[in-house]
Amino acid sequence: MRDDQERLKDIAEAIGRIEKYAAKGRKAFEKDELIQNWIVRHLQIIGEAVRALSAEYRDKHSDFEWSKIIGMRNILVHDYFGIDVDIVWSAVEHDLPVLKRKIEDLLLLGGA
């Protein structure tokens, strides 16, 4: 079974993979279905990793919006045809950099 530290690494890795293609910009994202699917898939991975963090760990780090991350994962997985690419891009552009910094800080602290 994967522990919380490994889940944080999964999140960081997925963020890096999103950044790789998000760097091409919004127009590329809007035009290229493969980029859209790549980004959505890795957002799902982030949500799944967050969902798998222990409740104690999520409670200890209540400054994260864990429930929103899990909620987005649920929409991306279960309401696939209802995905709004504007919301996805907004999350990539605005929320992901914040999450990245916070996850990096936790990893530097050894997942504390």
PDB file of N, CA and C in Angstrom:
ATOM      1  N   MET A   1       0.848  -1.191   0.000  1.00  0.00           N
ATOM      2  CA  MET A   1       0.000   0.000   0.000  1.00  0.00           C
ATOM      3  C   MET A   1       0.889   1.249   0.000  1.00  0.00           C
ATOM      4  N   ARG A   2       0.509   2.206  -0.797  1.00  0.00           N
ATOM      5  CA  ARG A   2       1.279   3.449  -0.909  1.00  0.00           C
ATOM      6  C   ARG A   2       0.977   4.354   0.280  1.00  0.00           C
ATOM      7  N   ASP A   3       2.021   5.001   0.795  1.00  0.00           N
ATOM      8  CA  ASP A   3       1.813   5.888   1.940  1.00  0.00           C
ATOM      9  C   ASP A   3       1.601   7.329   1.464  1.00  0.00           C
ATOM     10  N   ASP A   4       1.371   8.209   2.417  1.00  0.00           N
ATOM     11  CA  ASP A   4       1.073   9.612   2.093  1.00  0.00           C
ATOM     12  C   ASP A   4       2.226  10.283   1.345  1.00  0.00           C
ATOM     13  N   GLN A   5       3.447   9.984   1.721  1.00  0.00           N
ATOM     14  CA  GLN A   5       4.622  10.563   1.049  1.00  0.00           C
ATOM     15  C   GLN A   5       4.648  10.154  -0.426  1.00  0.00           C
ATOM     16  N   GLU A   6       4.361   8.903  -0.702  1.00  0.00           N
ATOM     17  CA  GLU A   6       4.328   8.436  -2.089  1.00  0.00           C
ATOM     18  C   GLU A   6       3.199   9.110  -2.865  1.00  0.00           C
ATOM     19  N   ARG A   7       2.085   9.338  -2.212  1.00  0.00           N
ATOM     20  CA  ARG A   7       0.963  10.034  -2.858  1.00  0.00           C
ATOM     21  C   ARG A   7       1.349  11.469  -3.206  1.00  0.00           C
ATOM     22  N   LEU A   8       2.070  12.127  -2.317  1.00  0.00           N
ATOM     23  CA  LEU A   8       2.540  13.487  -2.610  1.00  0.00           C
ATOM     24  C   LEU A   8       3.453  13.484  -3.833  1.00  0.00           C
ATOM     25  N   LYS A   9       4.305  12.480  -3.932  1.00  0.00           N
ATOM     26  CA  LYS A   9       5.181  12.363  -5.099  1.00  0.00           C
ATOM     27  C   LYS A   9       4.366  12.125  -6.368  1.00  0.00           C
ATOM     28  N   ASP A  10       3.302  11.333  -6.263  1.00  0.00           N
ATOM     29  CA  ASP A  10       2.418  11.106  -7.407  1.00  0.00           C
ATOM     30  C   ASP A  10       1.804  12.424  -7.876  1.00  0.00           C
ATOM     31  N   ILE A  11       1.392  13.242  -6.920  1.00  0.00           N
ATOM     32  CA  ILE A  11       0.794  14.545  -7.243  1.00  0.00           C
ATOM     33  C   ILE A  11       1.823  15.429  -7.932  1.00  0.00           C
ATOM     34  N   ALA A  12       3.022  15.492  -7.376  1.00  0.00           N
ATOM     35  CA  ALA A  12       4.072  16.327  -7.958  1.00  0.00           C
ATOM     36  C   ALA A  12       4.417  15.866  -9.377  1.00  0.00           C
ATOM     37  N   GLU A  13       4.472  14.575  -9.573  1.00  0.00           N
ATOM     38  CA  GLU A  13       4.784  14.034 -10.901  1.00  0.00           C
ATOM     39  C   GLU A  13       3.676  14.390 -11.902  1.00  0.00           C
ATOM     40  N   ALA A  14       2.437  14.254 -11.495  1.00  0.00           N
ATOM     41  CA  ALA A  14       1.321  14.579 -12.381  1.00  0.00           C
ATOM     42  C   ALA A  14       1.315  16.066 -12.721  1.00  0.00           C
ATOM     43  N   ILE A  15       1.635  16.895 -11.761  1.00  0.00           N
ATOM     44  CA  ILE A  15       1.718  18.344 -12.019  1.00  0.00           C
ATOM     45  C   ILE A  15       2.793  18.610 -13.069  1.00  0.00           C
ATOM     46  N   GLY A  16       3.943  17.990 -12.931  1.00  0.00           N
ATOM     47  CA  GLY A  16       5.014  18.154 -13.907  1.00  0.00           C
ATOM     48  C   GLY A  16       4.597  17.725 -15.297  1.00  0.00           C
ATOM     49  N   ARG A  17       3.852  16.660 -15.383  1.00  0.00           N
ATOM     50  CA  ARG A  17       3.381  16.178 -16.684  1.00  0.00           C
ATOM     51  C   ARG A  17       2.365  17.134 -17.299  1.00  0.00           C
ATOM     52  N   ILE A  18       1.526  17.708 -16.473  1.00  0.00           N
ATOM     53  CA  ILE A  18       0.581  18.715 -16.977  1.00  0.00           C
ATOM     54  C   ILE A  18       1.342  19.928 -17.484  1.00  0.00           C
ATOM     55  N   GLU A  19       2.298  20.387 -16.705  1.00  0.00           N
ATOM     56  CA  GLU A  19       3.065  21.585 -17.077  1.00  0.00           C
ATOM     57  C   GLU A  19       3.758  21.422 -18.421  1.00  0.00           C
ATOM     58  N   LYS A  20       4.207  20.212 -18.705  1.00  0.00           N
ATOM     59  CA  LYS A  20       4.918  19.940 -19.958  1.00  0.00           C
ATOM     60  C   LYS A  20       4.090  20.372 -21.172  1.00  0.00           C
ATOM     61  N   TYR A  21       2.801  20.079 -21.159  1.00  0.00           N
ATOM     62  CA  TYR A  21       1.952  20.406 -22.305  1.00  0.00           C
ATOM     63  C   TYR A  21       1.184  21.704 -22.113  1.00  0.00           C
ATOM     64  N   ALA A  22       0.946  22.092 -20.887  1.00  0.00           N
ATOM     65  CA  ALA A  22       0.293  23.382 -20.640  1.00  0.00           C
ATOM     66  C   ALA A  22       1.198  24.517 -21.097  1.00  0.00           C
ATOM     67  N   ALA A  23       2.498  24.281 -21.102  1.00  0.00           N
ATOM     68  CA  ALA A  23       3.456  25.304 -21.538  1.00  0.00           C
ATOM     69  C   ALA A  23       3.238  25.699 -22.999  1.00  0.00           C
ATOM     70  N   LYS A  24       2.553  24.862 -23.758  1.00  0.00           N
ATOM     71  CA  LYS A  24       2.257  25.180 -25.157  1.00  0.00           C
ATOM     72  C   LYS A  24       1.188  26.259 -25.268  1.00  0.00           C
ATOM     73  N   GLY A  25       0.494  26.526 -24.159  1.00  0.00           N
ATOM     74  CA  GLY A  25      -0.484  27.598 -24.113  1.00  0.00           C
ATOM     75  C   GLY A  25      -1.923  27.151 -24.311  1.00  0.00           C
ATOM     76  N   ARG A  26      -2.804  28.089 -24.039  1.00  0.00           N
ATOM     77  CA  ARG A  26      -4.239  27.801 -24.093  1.00  0.00           C
ATOM     78  C   ARG A  26      -4.716  27.451 -25.501  1.00  0.00           C
ATOM     79  N   LYS A  27      -4.188  28.136 -26.506  1.00  0.00           N
ATOM     80  CA  LYS A  27      -4.638  27.854 -27.875  1.00  0.00           C
ATOM     81  C   LYS A  27      -4.326  26.414 -28.269  1.00  0.00           C
ATOM     82  N   ALA A  28      -3.142  25.958 -27.921  1.00  0.00           N
ATOM     83  CA  ALA A  28      -2.789  24.563 -28.217  1.00  0.00           C
ATOM     84  C   ALA A  28      -3.715  23.618 -27.458  1.00  0.00           C
ATOM     85  N   PHE A  29      -3.999  23.954 -26.203  1.00  0.00           N
ATOM     86  CA  PHE A  29      -4.912  23.149 -25.391  1.00  0.00           C
ATOM     87  C   PHE A  29      -6.295  23.082 -26.038  1.00  0.00           C
ATOM     88  N   GLU A  30      -6.804  24.212 -26.478  1.00  0.00           N
ATOM     89  CA  GLU A  30      -8.141  24.256 -27.072  1.00  0.00           C
ATOM     90  C   GLU A  30      -8.199  23.504 -28.402  1.00  0.00           C
ATOM     91  N   LYS A  31      -7.117  23.537 -29.178  1.00  0.00           N
ATOM     92  CA  LYS A  31      -7.098  22.926 -30.502  1.00  0.00           C
ATOM     93  C   LYS A  31      -6.803  21.440 -30.489  1.00  0.00           C
ATOM     94  N   ASP A  32      -6.028  20.984 -29.523  1.00  0.00           N
ATOM     95  CA  ASP A  32      -5.496  19.626 -29.567  1.00  0.00           C
ATOM     96  C   ASP A  32      -6.177  18.721 -28.539  1.00  0.00           C
ATOM     97  N   GLU A  33      -6.983  17.812 -29.049  1.00  0.00           N
ATOM     98  CA  GLU A  33      -7.705  16.891 -28.173  1.00  0.00           C
ATOM     99  C   GLU A  33      -6.755  16.015 -27.354  1.00  0.00           C
ATOM    100  N   LEU A  34      -5.604  15.691 -27.919  1.00  0.00           N
ATOM    101  CA  LEU A  34      -4.636  14.876 -27.172  1.00  0.00           C
ATOM    102  C   LEU A  34      -4.093  15.630 -25.966  1.00  0.00           C
ATOM    103  N   ILE A  35      -3.824  16.914 -26.141  1.00  0.00           N
ATOM    104  CA  ILE A  35      -3.358  17.723 -25.005  1.00  0.00           C
ATOM    105  C   ILE A  35      -4.462  17.821 -23.961  1.00  0.00           C
ATOM    106  N   GLN A  36      -5.690  18.040 -24.406  1.00  0.00           N
ATOM    107  CA  GLN A  36      -6.814  18.095 -23.460  1.00  0.00           C
ATOM    108  C   GLN A  36      -6.902  16.796 -22.665  1.00  0.00           C
ATOM    109  N   ASN A  37      -6.849  15.666 -23.368  1.00  0.00           N
ATOM    110  CA  ASN A  37      -6.957  14.377 -22.689  1.00  0.00           C
ATOM    111  C   ASN A  37      -5.784  14.133 -21.745  1.00  0.00           C
ATOM    112  N   TRP A  38      -4.586  14.536 -22.153  1.00  0.00           N
ATOM    113  CA  TRP A  38      -3.397  14.392 -21.315  1.00  0.00           C
ATOM    114  C   TRP A  38      -3.576  15.156 -19.998  1.00  0.00           C
ATOM    115  N   ILE A  39      -4.002  16.404 -20.131  1.00  0.00           N
ATOM    116  CA  ILE A  39      -4.152  17.250 -18.944  1.00  0.00           C
ATOM    117  C   ILE A  39      -5.272  16.736 -18.055  1.00  0.00           C
ATOM    118  N   VAL A  40      -6.404  16.382 -18.646  1.00  0.00           N
ATOM    119  CA  VAL A  40      -7.526  15.854 -17.864  1.00  0.00           C
ATOM    120  C   VAL A  40      -7.107  14.579 -17.142  1.00  0.00           C
ATOM    121  N   ARG A  41      -6.412  13.707 -17.829  1.00  0.00           N
ATOM    122  CA  ARG A  41      -5.975  12.444 -17.212  1.00  0.00           C
ATOM    123  C   ARG A  41      -5.087  12.700 -15.998  1.00  0.00           C
ATOM    124  N   HIS A  42      -4.175  13.644 -16.117  1.00  0.00           N
ATOM    125  CA  HIS A  42      -3.273  13.901 -14.992  1.00  0.00           C
ATOM    126  C   HIS A  42      -3.959  14.676 -13.865  1.00  0.00           C
ATOM    127  N   LEU A  43      -4.971  15.455 -14.188  1.00  0.00           N
ATOM    128  CA  LEU A  43      -5.798  16.053 -13.128  1.00  0.00           C
ATOM    129  C   LEU A  43      -6.550  14.950 -12.377  1.00  0.00           C
ATOM    130  N   GLN A  44      -6.994  13.932 -13.107  1.00  0.00           N
ATOM    131  CA  GLN A  44      -7.650  12.792 -12.466  1.00  0.00           C
ATOM    132  C   GLN A  44      -6.677  12.081 -11.525  1.00  0.00           C
ATOM    133  N   ILE A  45      -5.443  11.920 -11.969  1.00  0.00           N
ATOM    134  CA  ILE A  45      -4.423  11.264 -11.143  1.00  0.00           C
ATOM    135  C   ILE A  45      -4.185  12.067  -9.868  1.00  0.00           C
ATOM    136  N   ILE A  46      -4.103  13.384 -10.001  1.00  0.00           N
ATOM    137  CA  ILE A  46      -3.935  14.237  -8.819  1.00  0.00           C
ATOM    138  C   ILE A  46      -5.098  14.023  -7.860  1.00  0.00           C
ATOM    139  N   GLY A  47      -6.305  14.061  -8.377  1.00  0.00           N
ATOM    140  CA  GLY A  47      -7.485  13.869  -7.530  1.00  0.00           C
ATOM    141  C   GLY A  47      -7.520  12.515  -6.864  1.00  0.00           C
ATOM    142  N   GLU A  48      -7.119  11.493  -7.595  1.00  0.00           N
ATOM    143  CA  GLU A  48      -7.096  10.141  -7.032  1.00  0.00           C
ATOM    144  C   GLU A  48      -6.034  10.032  -5.940  1.00  0.00           C
ATOM    145  N   ALA A  49      -4.876  10.639  -6.166  1.00  0.00           N
ATOM    146  CA  ALA A  49      -3.817  10.616  -5.148  1.00  0.00           C
ATOM    147  C   ALA A  49      -4.264  11.364  -3.893  1.00  0.00           C
ATOM    148  N   VAL A  50      -4.927  12.497  -4.074  1.00  0.00           N
ATOM    149  CA  VAL A  50      -5.445  13.253  -2.923  1.00  0.00           C
ATOM    150  C   VAL A  50      -6.490  12.427  -2.185  1.00  0.00           C
ATOM    151  N   ARG A  51      -7.383  11.801  -2.936  1.00  0.00           N
ATOM    152  CA  ARG A  51      -8.431  10.975  -2.328  1.00  0.00           C
ATOM    153  C   ARG A  51      -7.818   9.850  -1.500  1.00  0.00           C
ATOM    154  N   ALA A  52      -6.661   9.344  -1.953  1.00  0.00           N
ATOM    155  CA  ALA A  52      -6.016   8.222  -1.268  1.00  0.00           C
ATOM    156  C   ALA A  52      -5.149   8.644  -0.090  1.00  0.00           C
ATOM    157  N   LEU A  53      -4.903   9.950   0.067  1.00  0.00           N
ATOM    158  CA  LEU A  53      -4.191  10.400   1.268  1.00  0.00           C
ATOM    159  C   LEU A  53      -5.005  10.018   2.495  1.00  0.00           C
ATOM    160  N   SER A  54      -4.332   9.709   3.572  1.00  0.00           N
ATOM    161  CA  SER A  54      -5.066   9.352   4.785  1.00  0.00           C
ATOM    162  C   SER A  54      -5.880  10.558   5.278  1.00  0.00           C
ATOM    163  N   ALA A  55      -6.999  10.265   5.896  1.00  0.00           N
ATOM    164  CA  ALA A  55      -7.843  11.327   6.448  1.00  0.00           C
ATOM    165  C   ALA A  55      -7.065  12.134   7.485  1.00  0.00           C
ATOM    166  N   GLU A  56      -6.226  11.458   8.248  1.00  0.00           N
ATOM    167  CA  GLU A  56      -5.416  12.149   9.258  1.00  0.00           C
ATOM    168  C   GLU A  56      -4.473  13.156   8.593  1.00  0.00           C
ATOM    169  N   TYR A  57      -3.883  12.750   7.484  1.00  0.00           N
ATOM    170  CA  TYR A  57      -2.959  13.639   6.783  1.00  0.00           C
ATOM    171  C   TYR A  57      -3.698  14.846   6.220  1.00  0.00           C
ATOM    172  N   ARG A  58      -4.848  14.612   5.596  1.00  0.00           N
ATOM    173  CA  ARG A  58      -5.636  15.725   5.055  1.00  0.00           C
ATOM    174  C   ARG A  58      -6.095  16.654   6.173  1.00  0.00           C
ATOM    175  N   ASP A  59      -6.488  16.090   7.304  1.00  0.00           N
ATOM    176  CA  ASP A  59      -6.899  16.921   8.444  1.00  0.00           C
ATOM    177  C   ASP A  59      -5.734  17.748   8.981  1.00  0.00           C
ATOM    178  N   LYS A  60      -4.553  17.150   9.013  1.00  0.00           N
ATOM    179  CA  LYS A  60      -3.362  17.838   9.519  1.00  0.00           C
ATOM    180  C   LYS A  60      -2.984  19.021   8.625  1.00  0.00           C
ATOM    181  N   HIS A  61      -3.286  18.909   7.341  1.00  0.00           N
ATOM    182  CA  HIS A  61      -2.956  19.956   6.366  1.00  0.00           C
ATOM    183  C   HIS A  61      -4.241  20.543   5.795  1.00  0.00           C
ATOM    184  N   SER A  62      -5.025  21.099   6.676  1.00  0.00           N
ATOM    185  CA  SER A  62      -6.351  21.600   6.301  1.00  0.00           C
ATOM    186  C   SER A  62      -6.304  22.890   5.491  1.00  0.00           C
ATOM    187  N   ASP A  63      -5.115  23.457   5.286  1.00  0.00           N
ATOM    188  CA  ASP A  63      -4.997  24.658   4.463  1.00  0.00           C
ATOM    189  C   ASP A  63      -5.108  24.328   2.972  1.00  0.00           C
ATOM    190  N   PHE A  64      -5.077  23.057   2.614  1.00  0.00           N
ATOM    191  CA  PHE A  64      -5.297  22.617   1.236  1.00  0.00           C
ATOM    192  C   PHE A  64      -6.801  22.480   0.991  1.00  0.00           C
ATOM    193  N   GLU A  65      -7.195  22.674  -0.226  1.00  0.00           N
ATOM    194  CA  GLU A  65      -8.605  22.495  -0.589  1.00  0.00           C
ATOM    195  C   GLU A  65      -8.808  21.078  -1.121  1.00  0.00           C
ATOM    196  N   TRP A  66      -8.559  20.115  -0.238  1.00  0.00           N
ATOM    197  CA  TRP A  66      -8.622  18.712  -0.626  1.00  0.00           C
ATOM    198  C   TRP A  66      -9.964  18.346  -1.239  1.00  0.00           C
ATOM    199  N   SER A  67     -11.047  18.794  -0.628  1.00  0.00           N
ATOM    200  CA  SER A  67     -12.369  18.388  -1.119  1.00  0.00           C
ATOM    201  C   SER A  67     -12.638  18.928  -2.523  1.00  0.00           C
ATOM    202  N   LYS A  68     -12.133  20.103  -2.833  1.00  0.00           N
ATOM    203  CA  LYS A  68     -12.313  20.650  -4.183  1.00  0.00           C
ATOM    204  C   LYS A  68     -11.512  19.849  -5.210  1.00  0.00           C
ATOM    205  N   ILE A  69     -10.320  19.421  -4.820  1.00  0.00           N
ATOM    206  CA  ILE A  69      -9.489  18.619  -5.720  1.00  0.00           C
ATOM    207  C   ILE A  69     -10.171  17.278  -5.986  1.00  0.00           C
ATOM    208  N   ILE A  70     -10.677  16.660  -4.941  1.00  0.00           N
ATOM    209  CA  ILE A  70     -11.383  15.382  -5.089  1.00  0.00           C
ATOM    210  C   ILE A  70     -12.664  15.589  -5.893  1.00  0.00           C
ATOM    211  N   GLY A  71     -13.362  16.686  -5.637  1.00  0.00           N
ATOM    212  CA  GLY A  71     -14.590  16.980  -6.389  1.00  0.00           C
ATOM    213  C   GLY A  71     -14.322  17.146  -7.870  1.00  0.00           C
ATOM    214  N   MET A  72     -13.229  17.804  -8.211  1.00  0.00           N
ATOM    215  CA  MET A  72     -12.889  17.956  -9.626  1.00  0.00           C
ATOM    216  C   MET A  72     -12.576  16.598 -10.237  1.00  0.00           C
ATOM    217  N   ARG A  73     -11.855  15.766  -9.506  1.00  0.00           N
ATOM    218  CA  ARG A  73     -11.563  14.416  -9.987  1.00  0.00           C
ATOM    219  C   ARG A  73     -12.853  13.660 -10.272  1.00  0.00           C
ATOM    220  N   ASN A  74     -13.817  13.776  -9.370  1.00  0.00           N
ATOM    221  CA  ASN A  74     -15.078  13.067  -9.553  1.00  0.00           C
ATOM    222  C   ASN A  74     -15.806  13.535 -10.814  1.00  0.00           C
ATOM    223  N   ILE A  75     -15.792  14.823 -11.063  1.00  0.00           N
ATOM    224  CA  ILE A  75     -16.420  15.351 -12.276  1.00  0.00           C
ATOM    225  C   ILE A  75     -15.680  14.844 -13.512  1.00  0.00           C
ATOM    226  N   LEU A  76     -14.364  14.906 -13.486  1.00  0.00           N
ATOM    227  CA  LEU A  76     -13.576  14.483 -14.650  1.00  0.00           C
ATOM    228  C   LEU A  76     -13.750  12.997 -14.948  1.00  0.00           C
ATOM    229  N   VAL A  77     -13.932  12.198 -13.904  1.00  0.00           N
ATOM    230  CA  VAL A  77     -14.073  10.757 -14.091  1.00  0.00           C
ATOM    231  C   VAL A  77     -15.506  10.365 -14.422  1.00  0.00           C
ATOM    232  N   HIS A  78     -16.468  10.951 -13.737  1.00  0.00           N
ATOM    233  CA  HIS A  78     -17.851  10.477 -13.843  1.00  0.00           C
ATOM    234  C   HIS A  78     -18.745  11.308 -14.758  1.00  0.00           C
ATOM    235  N   ASP A  79     -18.334  12.506 -15.080  1.00  0.00           N
ATOM    236  CA  ASP A  79     -19.159  13.357 -15.937  1.00  0.00           C
ATOM    237  C   ASP A  79     -18.340  13.785 -17.150  1.00  0.00           C
ATOM    238  N   TYR A  80     -17.692  12.793 -17.752  1.00  0.00           N
ATOM    239  CA  TYR A  80     -16.724  13.070 -18.796  1.00  0.00           C
ATOM    240  C   TYR A  80     -17.275  13.968 -19.903  1.00  0.00           C
ATOM    241  N   PHE A  81     -18.518  13.735 -20.318  1.00  0.00           N
ATOM    242  CA  PHE A  81     -19.088  14.521 -21.421  1.00  0.00           C
ATOM    243  C   PHE A  81     -19.532  15.905 -20.971  1.00  0.00           C
ATOM    244  N   GLY A  82     -19.497  16.155 -19.687  1.00  0.00           N
ATOM    245  CA  GLY A  82     -19.859  17.460 -19.166  1.00  0.00           C
ATOM    246  C   GLY A  82     -18.658  18.315 -18.782  1.00  0.00           C
ATOM    247  N   ILE A  83     -17.462  17.881 -19.158  1.00  0.00           N
ATOM    248  CA  ILE A  83     -16.243  18.614 -18.785  1.00  0.00           C
ATOM    249  C   ILE A  83     -16.207  19.950 -19.514  1.00  0.00           C
ATOM    250  N   ASP A  84     -15.970  20.996 -18.755  1.00  0.00           N
ATOM    251  CA  ASP A  84     -15.856  22.351 -19.293  1.00  0.00           C
ATOM    252  C   ASP A  84     -14.362  22.668 -19.432  1.00  0.00           C
ATOM    253  N   VAL A  85     -13.891  22.793 -20.686  1.00  0.00           N
ATOM    254  CA  VAL A  85     -12.458  23.012 -20.899  1.00  0.00           C
ATOM    255  C   VAL A  85     -12.002  24.353 -20.342  1.00  0.00           C
ATOM    256  N   ASP A  86     -12.906  25.323 -20.238  1.00  0.00           N
ATOM    257  CA  ASP A  86     -12.534  26.606 -19.634  1.00  0.00           C
ATOM    258  C   ASP A  86     -12.209  26.432 -18.155  1.00  0.00           C
ATOM    259  N   ILE A  87     -12.981  25.622 -17.472  1.00  0.00           N
ATOM    260  CA  ILE A  87     -12.721  25.359 -16.054  1.00  0.00           C
ATOM    261  C   ILE A  87     -11.427  24.566 -15.891  1.00  0.00           C
ATOM    262  N   VAL A  88     -11.225  23.592 -16.763  1.00  0.00           N
ATOM    263  CA  VAL A  88      -9.986  22.806 -16.703  1.00  0.00           C
ATOM    264  C   VAL A  88      -8.786  23.720 -16.905  1.00  0.00           C
ATOM    265  N   TRP A  89      -8.843  24.572 -17.930  1.00  0.00           N
ATOM    266  CA  TRP A  89      -7.698  25.449 -18.183  1.00  0.00           C
ATOM    267  C   TRP A  89      -7.489  26.431 -17.026  1.00  0.00           C
ATOM    268  N   SER A  90      -8.567  26.944 -16.471  1.00  0.00           N
ATOM    269  CA  SER A  90      -8.460  27.853 -15.333  1.00  0.00           C
ATOM    270  C   SER A  90      -7.767  27.160 -14.158  1.00  0.00           C
ATOM    271  N   ALA A  91      -8.112  25.907 -13.913  1.00  0.00           N
ATOM    272  CA  ALA A  91      -7.468  25.155 -12.830  1.00  0.00           C
ATOM    273  C   ALA A  91      -5.981  24.988 -13.106  1.00  0.00           C
ATOM    274  N   VAL A  92      -5.644  24.697 -14.357  1.00  0.00           N
ATOM    275  CA  VAL A  92      -4.236  24.523 -14.731  1.00  0.00           C
ATOM    276  C   VAL A  92      -3.475  25.834 -14.561  1.00  0.00           C
ATOM    277  N   GLU A  93      -4.087  26.911 -14.995  1.00  0.00           N
ATOM    278  CA  GLU A  93      -3.415  28.203 -14.996  1.00  0.00           C
ATOM    279  C   GLU A  93      -3.327  28.850 -13.611  1.00  0.00           C
ATOM    280  N   HIS A  94      -4.378  28.690 -12.802  1.00  0.00           N
ATOM    281  CA  HIS A  94      -4.444  29.409 -11.528  1.00  0.00           C
ATOM    282  C   HIS A  94      -4.241  28.527 -10.295  1.00  0.00           C
ATOM    283  N   ASP A  95      -4.848  27.350 -10.296  1.00  0.00           N
ATOM    284  CA  ASP A  95      -4.814  26.505  -9.101  1.00  0.00           C
ATOM    285  C   ASP A  95      -3.583  25.605  -9.038  1.00  0.00           C
ATOM    286  N   LEU A  96      -3.163  25.107 -10.190  1.00  0.00           N
ATOM    287  CA  LEU A  96      -2.044  24.168 -10.206  1.00  0.00           C
ATOM    288  C   LEU A  96      -0.736  24.772  -9.695  1.00  0.00           C
ATOM    289  N   PRO A  97      -0.387  26.018 -10.066  1.00  0.00           N
ATOM    290  CA  PRO A  97       0.859  26.583  -9.527  1.00  0.00           C
ATOM    291  C   PRO A  97       0.862  26.688  -7.999  1.00  0.00           C
ATOM    292  N   VAL A  98      -0.290  27.007  -7.439  1.00  0.00           N
ATOM    293  CA  VAL A  98      -0.399  27.097  -5.977  1.00  0.00           C
ATOM    294  C   VAL A  98      -0.247  25.711  -5.362  1.00  0.00           C
ATOM    295  N   LEU A  99      -0.948  24.745  -5.934  1.00  0.00           N
ATOM    296  CA  LEU A  99      -0.843  23.376  -5.435  1.00  0.00           C
ATOM    297  C   LEU A  99       0.592  22.872  -5.549  1.00  0.00           C
ATOM    298  N   LYS A 100       1.243  23.165  -6.656  1.00  0.00           N
ATOM    299  CA  LYS A 100       2.622  22.727  -6.859  1.00  0.00           C
ATOM    300  C   LYS A 100       3.529  23.249  -5.749  1.00  0.00           C
ATOM    301  N   ARG A 101       3.446  24.526  -5.456  1.00  0.00           N
ATOM    302  CA  ARG A 101       4.292  25.110  -4.396  1.00  0.00           C
ATOM    303  C   ARG A 101       4.025  24.441  -3.052  1.00  0.00           C
ATOM    304  N   LYS A 102       2.762  24.230  -2.742  1.00  0.00           N
ATOM    305  CA  LYS A 102       2.421  23.640  -1.448  1.00  0.00           C
ATOM    306  C   LYS A 102       2.884  22.182  -1.353  1.00  0.00           C
ATOM    307  N   ILE A 103       2.731  21.439  -2.444  1.00  0.00           N
ATOM    308  CA  ILE A 103       3.174  20.038  -2.451  1.00  0.00           C
ATOM    309  C   ILE A 103       4.698  19.980  -2.349  1.00  0.00           C
ATOM    310  N   GLU A 104       5.388  20.852  -3.083  1.00  0.00           N
ATOM    311  CA  GLU A 104       6.851  20.893  -2.990  1.00  0.00           C
ATOM    312  C   GLU A 104       7.299  21.194  -1.564  1.00  0.00           C
ATOM    313  N   ASP A 105       6.607  22.110  -0.905  1.00  0.00           N
ATOM    314  CA  ASP A 105       6.943  22.431   0.493  1.00  0.00           C
ATOM    315  C   ASP A 105       6.767  21.198   1.385  1.00  0.00           C
ATOM    316  N   LEU A 106       5.683  20.471   1.199  1.00  0.00           N
ATOM    317  CA  LEU A 106       5.458  19.258   2.003  1.00  0.00           C
ATOM    318  C   LEU A 106       6.541  18.216   1.733  1.00  0.00           C
ATOM    319  N   LEU A 107       6.897  18.063   0.464  1.00  0.00           N
ATOM    320  CA  LEU A 107       7.925  17.089   0.132  1.00  0.00           C
ATOM    321  C   LEU A 107       9.277  17.464   0.734  1.00  0.00           C
ATOM    322  N   LEU A 108       9.569  18.767   0.766  1.00  0.00           N
ATOM    323  CA  LEU A 108      10.816  19.212   1.388  1.00  0.00           C
ATOM    324  C   LEU A 108      10.832  18.937   2.881  1.00  0.00           C
ATOM    325  N   LEU A 109       9.657  18.970   3.471  1.00  0.00           N
ATOM    326  CA  LEU A 109       9.529  18.701   4.905  1.00  0.00           C
ATOM    327  C   LEU A 109       9.420  17.198   5.185  1.00  0.00           C
ATOM    328  N   GLY A 110       9.542  16.399   4.146  1.00  0.00           N
ATOM    329  CA  GLY A 110       9.407  14.952   4.321  1.00  0.00           C
ATOM    330  C   GLY A 110       7.980  14.519   4.479  1.00  0.00           C
ATOM    331  N   GLY A 111       7.064  15.303   3.908  1.00  0.00           N
ATOM    332  CA  GLY A 111       5.657  14.951   3.972  1.00  0.00           C
ATOM    333  C   GLY A 111       5.000  15.307   5.278  1.00  0.00           C
ATOM    334  N   ALA A 112       5.734  15.916   6.166  1.00  0.00           N
ATOM    335  CA  ALA A 112       5.276  16.256   7.512  1.00  0.00           C
ATOM    336  C   ALA A 112       3.845  16.347   7.594  1.00  0.00           C
TER     337      ALA A 112
END
